[in-house]
Amino acid sequence: MQNESNEPVQDEVPLLKRLRGSIFPIAPGDSAPIKILKTSGFYLFTVMVLVVTLLLGGAIMFVL
């Protein structure tokens, strides 16, 4: 009873892999160039989200 919790158990898949699978999923039949484009597109998307988040955070800090 000590180890029980009310939280549902999620798969042990890291957050980035789950996001990658939902944004640009790679199908088993994808060719190598398509896999490279999807992977680079995902990382570009991740960097863009990070930059926008940092810029918005900086703007809010500047105003405060």
N, C-alpha and C. Protein backbone atom coordinates (compact mmCIF):
# COMPACT_ATOMS: atom_id res chain seq x y z
N MET A 1 0.81 -1.18 0.00
CA MET A 1 0.00 0.00 0.00
C MET A 1 0.86 1.25 0.00
N GLN A 2 2.09 1.17 0.39
CA GLN A 2 2.93 2.36 0.44
C GLN A 2 3.32 2.84 -0.96
N ASN A 3 3.42 1.94 -1.92
CA ASN A 3 3.87 2.31 -3.25
C ASN A 3 2.73 2.69 -4.19
N GLU A 4 1.49 2.64 -3.72
CA GLU A 4 0.36 2.96 -4.58
C GLU A 4 0.23 4.47 -4.75
N SER A 5 -0.16 4.88 -5.94
CA SER A 5 -0.44 6.30 -6.18
C SER A 5 -1.66 6.40 -7.08
N ASN A 6 -2.29 7.55 -7.06
CA ASN A 6 -3.50 7.76 -7.85
C ASN A 6 -3.20 8.25 -9.25
N GLU A 7 -1.94 8.52 -9.58
CA GLU A 7 -1.58 9.01 -10.89
C GLU A 7 -1.53 7.84 -11.88
N PRO A 8 -2.04 8.08 -13.11
CA PRO A 8 -1.96 7.01 -14.11
C PRO A 8 -0.51 6.82 -14.56
N VAL A 9 -0.16 5.59 -14.83
CA VAL A 9 1.21 5.27 -15.24
C VAL A 9 1.33 5.55 -16.73
N GLN A 10 2.28 6.40 -17.11
CA GLN A 10 2.52 6.70 -18.52
C GLN A 10 3.65 5.83 -19.03
N ASP A 11 3.71 5.72 -20.34
CA ASP A 11 4.83 4.99 -20.94
C ASP A 11 6.13 5.68 -20.57
N GLU A 12 7.19 4.93 -20.54
CA GLU A 12 8.49 5.47 -20.19
C GLU A 12 9.17 6.08 -21.42
N VAL A 13 8.39 6.81 -22.22
CA VAL A 13 8.93 7.45 -23.41
C VAL A 13 9.24 8.90 -23.06
N PRO A 14 10.45 9.37 -23.38
CA PRO A 14 10.80 10.76 -23.06
C PRO A 14 9.89 11.76 -23.76
N LEU A 15 9.80 12.95 -23.20
CA LEU A 15 8.91 13.98 -23.71
C LEU A 15 9.23 14.35 -25.15
N LEU A 16 10.51 14.52 -25.47
CA LEU A 16 10.87 14.90 -26.84
C LEU A 16 10.47 13.84 -27.86
N LYS A 17 10.58 12.57 -27.49
CA LYS A 17 10.18 11.51 -28.42
C LYS A 17 8.67 11.49 -28.62
N ARG A 18 7.91 11.75 -27.55
CA ARG A 18 6.45 11.82 -27.70
C ARG A 18 6.05 12.99 -28.58
N LEU A 19 6.68 14.16 -28.35
CA LEU A 19 6.38 15.33 -29.18
C LEU A 19 6.78 15.09 -30.63
N ARG A 20 7.93 14.47 -30.82
CA ARG A 20 8.39 14.21 -32.17
C ARG A 20 7.44 13.30 -32.92
N GLY A 21 6.93 12.30 -32.23
CA GLY A 21 5.98 11.39 -32.85
C GLY A 21 4.65 12.03 -33.17
N SER A 22 4.28 13.06 -32.44
CA SER A 22 3.00 13.71 -32.71
C SER A 22 3.12 14.84 -33.72
N ILE A 23 4.28 15.48 -33.83
CA ILE A 23 4.43 16.61 -34.76
C ILE A 23 4.83 16.12 -36.15
N PHE A 24 5.91 15.39 -36.26
CA PHE A 24 6.39 14.86 -37.54
C PHE A 24 6.64 13.37 -37.41
N PRO A 25 5.59 12.54 -37.43
CA PRO A 25 5.82 11.10 -37.27
C PRO A 25 6.54 10.51 -38.49
N ILE A 26 7.45 9.61 -38.22
CA ILE A 26 8.18 8.93 -39.29
C ILE A 26 7.52 7.59 -39.53
N ALA A 27 7.07 7.39 -40.77
CA ALA A 27 6.44 6.13 -41.15
C ALA A 27 7.53 5.12 -41.51
N PRO A 28 7.25 3.84 -41.34
CA PRO A 28 8.27 2.83 -41.67
C PRO A 28 8.68 2.86 -43.15
N GLY A 29 7.80 3.33 -44.02
CA GLY A 29 8.11 3.35 -45.45
C GLY A 29 8.78 4.62 -45.93
N ASP A 30 9.08 5.54 -45.04
CA ASP A 30 9.72 6.80 -45.44
C ASP A 30 11.15 6.55 -45.90
N SER A 31 11.53 7.25 -46.97
CA SER A 31 12.90 7.12 -47.46
C SER A 31 13.85 7.93 -46.58
N ALA A 32 15.14 7.74 -46.81
CA ALA A 32 16.15 8.42 -45.98
C ALA A 32 16.05 9.95 -46.07
N PRO A 33 15.88 10.53 -47.28
CA PRO A 33 15.76 12.00 -47.32
C PRO A 33 14.53 12.52 -46.58
N ILE A 34 13.44 11.79 -46.63
CA ILE A 34 12.22 12.21 -45.92
C ILE A 34 12.46 12.14 -44.42
N LYS A 35 13.12 11.10 -43.95
CA LYS A 35 13.43 11.00 -42.52
C LYS A 35 14.32 12.14 -42.06
N ILE A 36 15.32 12.49 -42.89
CA ILE A 36 16.22 13.60 -42.54
C ILE A 36 15.45 14.91 -42.51
N LEU A 37 14.58 15.14 -43.49
CA LEU A 37 13.79 16.37 -43.53
C LEU A 37 12.84 16.47 -42.34
N LYS A 38 12.20 15.36 -41.99
CA LYS A 38 11.28 15.38 -40.84
C LYS A 38 12.04 15.62 -39.54
N THR A 39 13.20 15.00 -39.40
CA THR A 39 14.00 15.19 -38.18
C THR A 39 14.50 16.62 -38.08
N SER A 40 15.04 17.15 -39.17
CA SER A 40 15.53 18.54 -39.13
C SER A 40 14.38 19.52 -38.95
N GLY A 41 13.23 19.24 -39.52
CA GLY A 41 12.06 20.10 -39.33
C GLY A 41 11.60 20.11 -37.88
N PHE A 42 11.66 18.96 -37.23
CA PHE A 42 11.27 18.91 -35.83
C PHE A 42 12.23 19.71 -34.97
N TYR A 43 13.53 19.58 -35.21
CA TYR A 43 14.49 20.33 -34.41
C TYR A 43 14.40 21.83 -34.69
N LEU A 44 14.14 22.21 -35.93
CA LEU A 44 13.94 23.62 -36.25
C LEU A 44 12.71 24.16 -35.53
N PHE A 45 11.63 23.38 -35.53
CA PHE A 45 10.41 23.77 -34.82
C PHE A 45 10.68 23.92 -33.33
N THR A 46 11.44 23.00 -32.75
CA THR A 46 11.76 23.07 -31.32
C THR A 46 12.59 24.31 -30.99
N VAL A 47 13.56 24.62 -31.83
CA VAL A 47 14.39 25.80 -31.61
C VAL A 47 13.55 27.07 -31.74
N MET A 48 12.65 27.11 -32.72
CA MET A 48 11.80 28.29 -32.91
C MET A 48 10.90 28.50 -31.69
N VAL A 49 10.31 27.43 -31.16
CA VAL A 49 9.46 27.55 -29.97
C VAL A 49 10.29 28.04 -28.79
N LEU A 50 11.49 27.54 -28.63
CA LEU A 50 12.36 27.96 -27.54
C LEU A 50 12.73 29.44 -27.67
N VAL A 51 13.07 29.89 -28.87
CA VAL A 51 13.44 31.29 -29.08
C VAL A 51 12.26 32.21 -28.82
N VAL A 52 11.08 31.85 -29.32
CA VAL A 52 9.89 32.68 -29.09
C VAL A 52 9.56 32.73 -27.60
N THR A 53 9.68 31.62 -26.91
CA THR A 53 9.42 31.59 -25.47
C THR A 53 10.40 32.49 -24.72
N LEU A 54 11.67 32.42 -25.08
CA LEU A 54 12.67 33.27 -24.43
C LEU A 54 12.43 34.74 -24.73
N LEU A 55 12.07 35.07 -25.97
CA LEU A 55 11.79 36.46 -26.32
C LEU A 55 10.58 37.00 -25.57
N LEU A 56 9.53 36.21 -25.49
CA LEU A 56 8.34 36.65 -24.75
C LEU A 56 8.65 36.80 -23.27
N GLY A 57 9.40 35.87 -22.72
CA GLY A 57 9.80 35.98 -21.31
C GLY A 57 10.65 37.21 -21.07
N GLY A 58 11.57 37.49 -21.98
CA GLY A 58 12.40 38.69 -21.86
C GLY A 58 11.59 39.96 -21.97
N ALA A 59 10.61 39.98 -22.87
CA ALA A 59 9.76 41.17 -23.01
C ALA A 59 8.93 41.39 -21.75
N ILE A 60 8.43 40.32 -21.17
CA ILE A 60 7.64 40.45 -19.94
C ILE A 60 8.52 40.93 -18.80
N MET A 61 9.73 40.41 -18.70
CA MET A 61 10.65 40.86 -17.65
C MET A 61 11.04 42.33 -17.85
N PHE A 62 11.20 42.74 -19.10
CA PHE A 62 11.55 44.13 -19.38
C PHE A 62 10.43 45.08 -18.96
N VAL A 63 9.19 44.66 -19.19
CA VAL A 63 8.04 45.50 -18.83
C VAL A 63 7.89 45.57 -17.31
N LEU A 64 8.14 44.48 -16.64
CA LEU A 64 8.00 44.48 -15.19
C LEU A 64 9.19 45.15 -14.58
